Amino acid sequence: MNEKLLQYLWNYKVFTNFNFKDTNGNLIEIIDFGKWNRDSGPDFLMAKIKSTTSF
C-alpha cells in the first residue's frame, strides 16, 4: 500500500472495521482522526489516539 492511498483511507475513514492495533497487538482507540495536512510535516494534524492498555 502506498502512502497516498493510506492517507485517503485515513482521511475518509474507509475501513471495514475500526479495530486498530499497535505493533504489540494492543487495541488502539481513535478519538479524533485529525485534519489532513497537505503541506510538509506530519500527514495529519491534531489526531488523537488512545491505547487501551495501561502502563
N, C-alpha and C. Protein backbone atom coordinates (compact mmCIF):
# COMPACT_ATOMS: atom_id res chain seq x y z
N MET A 1 0.85 -1.16 0.00
CA MET A 1 0.00 0.00 0.00
C MET A 1 0.90 1.23 0.00
N ASN A 2 0.60 2.20 -0.86
CA ASN A 2 1.43 3.40 -0.86
C ASN A 2 0.85 4.46 0.08
N GLU A 3 1.66 5.47 0.37
CA GLU A 3 1.28 6.49 1.35
C GLU A 3 0.04 7.28 0.94
N LYS A 4 -0.08 7.62 -0.32
CA LYS A 4 -1.24 8.39 -0.79
C LYS A 4 -2.54 7.63 -0.55
N LEU A 5 -2.53 6.33 -0.80
CA LEU A 5 -3.72 5.51 -0.56
C LEU A 5 -4.04 5.46 0.93
N LEU A 6 -3.04 5.26 1.75
CA LEU A 6 -3.26 5.21 3.19
C LEU A 6 -3.80 6.55 3.72
N GLN A 7 -3.28 7.66 3.21
CA GLN A 7 -3.79 8.98 3.59
C GLN A 7 -5.27 9.12 3.23
N TYR A 8 -5.62 8.69 2.04
CA TYR A 8 -7.01 8.76 1.58
C TYR A 8 -7.92 7.92 2.49
N LEU A 9 -7.50 6.68 2.74
CA LEU A 9 -8.30 5.79 3.59
C LEU A 9 -8.49 6.37 4.98
N TRP A 10 -7.41 6.93 5.57
CA TRP A 10 -7.48 7.51 6.91
C TRP A 10 -8.40 8.74 6.90
N ASN A 11 -8.22 9.62 5.93
CA ASN A 11 -8.99 10.87 5.88
C ASN A 11 -10.48 10.62 5.73
N TYR A 12 -10.85 9.68 4.87
CA TYR A 12 -12.26 9.42 4.61
C TYR A 12 -12.81 8.24 5.41
N LYS A 13 -11.99 7.71 6.32
CA LYS A 13 -12.39 6.62 7.23
C LYS A 13 -12.98 5.43 6.47
N VAL A 14 -12.27 5.03 5.42
CA VAL A 14 -12.72 3.95 4.56
C VAL A 14 -12.09 2.64 5.07
N PHE A 15 -12.73 2.06 6.08
CA PHE A 15 -12.23 0.82 6.68
C PHE A 15 -13.40 -0.15 6.83
N THR A 16 -13.11 -1.43 6.86
CA THR A 16 -14.17 -2.41 7.08
C THR A 16 -14.51 -2.48 8.57
N ASN A 17 -13.55 -2.12 9.43
CA ASN A 17 -13.81 -2.04 10.86
C ASN A 17 -12.78 -1.08 11.47
N PHE A 18 -12.96 -0.76 12.72
CA PHE A 18 -12.06 0.17 13.39
C PHE A 18 -11.32 -0.50 14.53
N ASN A 19 -10.97 -1.75 14.35
CA ASN A 19 -10.22 -2.50 15.37
C ASN A 19 -8.73 -2.36 15.12
N PHE A 20 -8.21 -1.15 15.38
CA PHE A 20 -6.79 -0.89 15.15
C PHE A 20 -5.97 -1.46 16.30
N LYS A 21 -4.77 -1.93 15.96
CA LYS A 21 -3.86 -2.47 16.96
C LYS A 21 -2.47 -1.92 16.72
N ASP A 22 -1.69 -1.79 17.83
CA ASP A 22 -0.31 -1.37 17.68
C ASP A 22 0.56 -2.57 17.34
N THR A 23 1.85 -2.37 17.23
CA THR A 23 2.75 -3.45 16.82
C THR A 23 2.86 -4.55 17.87
N ASN A 24 2.40 -4.28 19.10
CA ASN A 24 2.40 -5.30 20.15
C ASN A 24 1.06 -6.01 20.27
N GLY A 25 0.09 -5.63 19.41
CA GLY A 25 -1.22 -6.27 19.44
C GLY A 25 -2.22 -5.62 20.37
N ASN A 26 -1.85 -4.51 21.03
CA ASN A 26 -2.76 -3.81 21.92
C ASN A 26 -3.77 -3.00 21.09
N LEU A 27 -5.01 -2.98 21.54
CA LEU A 27 -6.04 -2.22 20.84
C LEU A 27 -5.78 -0.73 20.98
N ILE A 28 -6.10 0.02 19.92
CA ILE A 28 -5.95 1.47 19.90
C ILE A 28 -7.30 2.07 19.56
N GLU A 29 -7.71 3.04 20.36
CA GLU A 29 -8.96 3.75 20.12
C GLU A 29 -8.65 5.06 19.38
N ILE A 30 -9.33 5.29 18.29
CA ILE A 30 -9.18 6.55 17.55
C ILE A 30 -10.21 7.52 18.11
N ILE A 31 -9.73 8.55 18.79
CA ILE A 31 -10.62 9.55 19.36
C ILE A 31 -10.93 10.62 18.32
N ASP A 32 -9.92 11.03 17.56
CA ASP A 32 -10.09 12.04 16.50
C ASP A 32 -9.10 11.70 15.39
N PHE A 33 -9.59 11.59 14.17
CA PHE A 33 -8.72 11.26 13.04
C PHE A 33 -7.84 12.43 12.61
N GLY A 34 -8.10 13.62 13.13
CA GLY A 34 -7.28 14.78 12.81
C GLY A 34 -7.63 15.39 11.47
N LYS A 35 -6.83 16.35 11.07
CA LYS A 35 -7.05 17.06 9.81
C LYS A 35 -5.89 16.76 8.87
N TRP A 36 -6.22 16.43 7.64
CA TRP A 36 -5.22 16.09 6.63
C TRP A 36 -4.33 17.28 6.37
N ASN A 37 -3.04 17.13 6.57
CA ASN A 37 -2.05 18.17 6.34
C ASN A 37 -1.41 17.93 4.98
N ARG A 38 -1.72 18.75 4.03
CA ARG A 38 -1.18 18.57 2.68
C ARG A 38 0.15 19.29 2.49
N ASP A 39 0.63 19.98 3.54
CA ASP A 39 1.94 20.62 3.50
C ASP A 39 2.99 19.67 4.05
N SER A 40 4.21 20.15 4.17
CA SER A 40 5.27 19.30 4.73
C SER A 40 5.01 19.07 6.21
N GLY A 41 5.58 18.01 6.73
CA GLY A 41 5.37 17.65 8.13
C GLY A 41 4.53 16.41 8.24
N PRO A 42 3.90 16.23 9.39
CA PRO A 42 3.08 15.02 9.58
C PRO A 42 1.89 14.99 8.61
N ASP A 43 1.45 13.79 8.27
CA ASP A 43 0.34 13.64 7.32
C ASP A 43 -0.97 14.19 7.88
N PHE A 44 -1.19 14.05 9.19
CA PHE A 44 -2.41 14.52 9.83
C PHE A 44 -2.06 15.30 11.09
N LEU A 45 -2.78 16.40 11.29
CA LEU A 45 -2.57 17.24 12.45
C LEU A 45 -3.72 17.08 13.44
N MET A 46 -3.41 17.19 14.71
CA MET A 46 -4.39 17.17 15.78
C MET A 46 -5.12 15.83 15.94
N ALA A 47 -4.57 14.76 15.40
CA ALA A 47 -5.17 13.44 15.59
C ALA A 47 -4.99 13.03 17.05
N LYS A 48 -5.96 12.27 17.56
CA LYS A 48 -5.90 11.81 18.94
C LYS A 48 -6.17 10.32 18.97
N ILE A 49 -5.22 9.57 19.51
CA ILE A 49 -5.40 8.14 19.65
C ILE A 49 -5.13 7.75 21.11
N LYS A 50 -5.69 6.63 21.52
CA LYS A 50 -5.54 6.19 22.90
C LYS A 50 -5.31 4.69 22.91
N SER A 51 -4.28 4.27 23.60
CA SER A 51 -4.02 2.85 23.78
C SER A 51 -4.94 2.31 24.87
N THR A 52 -5.45 1.12 24.68
CA THR A 52 -6.36 0.54 25.67
C THR A 52 -5.62 -0.14 26.81
N THR A 53 -4.30 -0.19 26.72
CA THR A 53 -3.52 -0.81 27.79
C THR A 53 -2.96 0.28 28.70
N SER A 54 -2.83 -0.03 29.97
CA SER A 54 -2.27 0.90 30.95
C SER A 54 -0.83 0.51 31.23
N PHE A 55 -0.03 1.50 31.51
CA PHE A 55 1.38 1.23 31.82
C PHE A 55 1.61 1.31 33.30
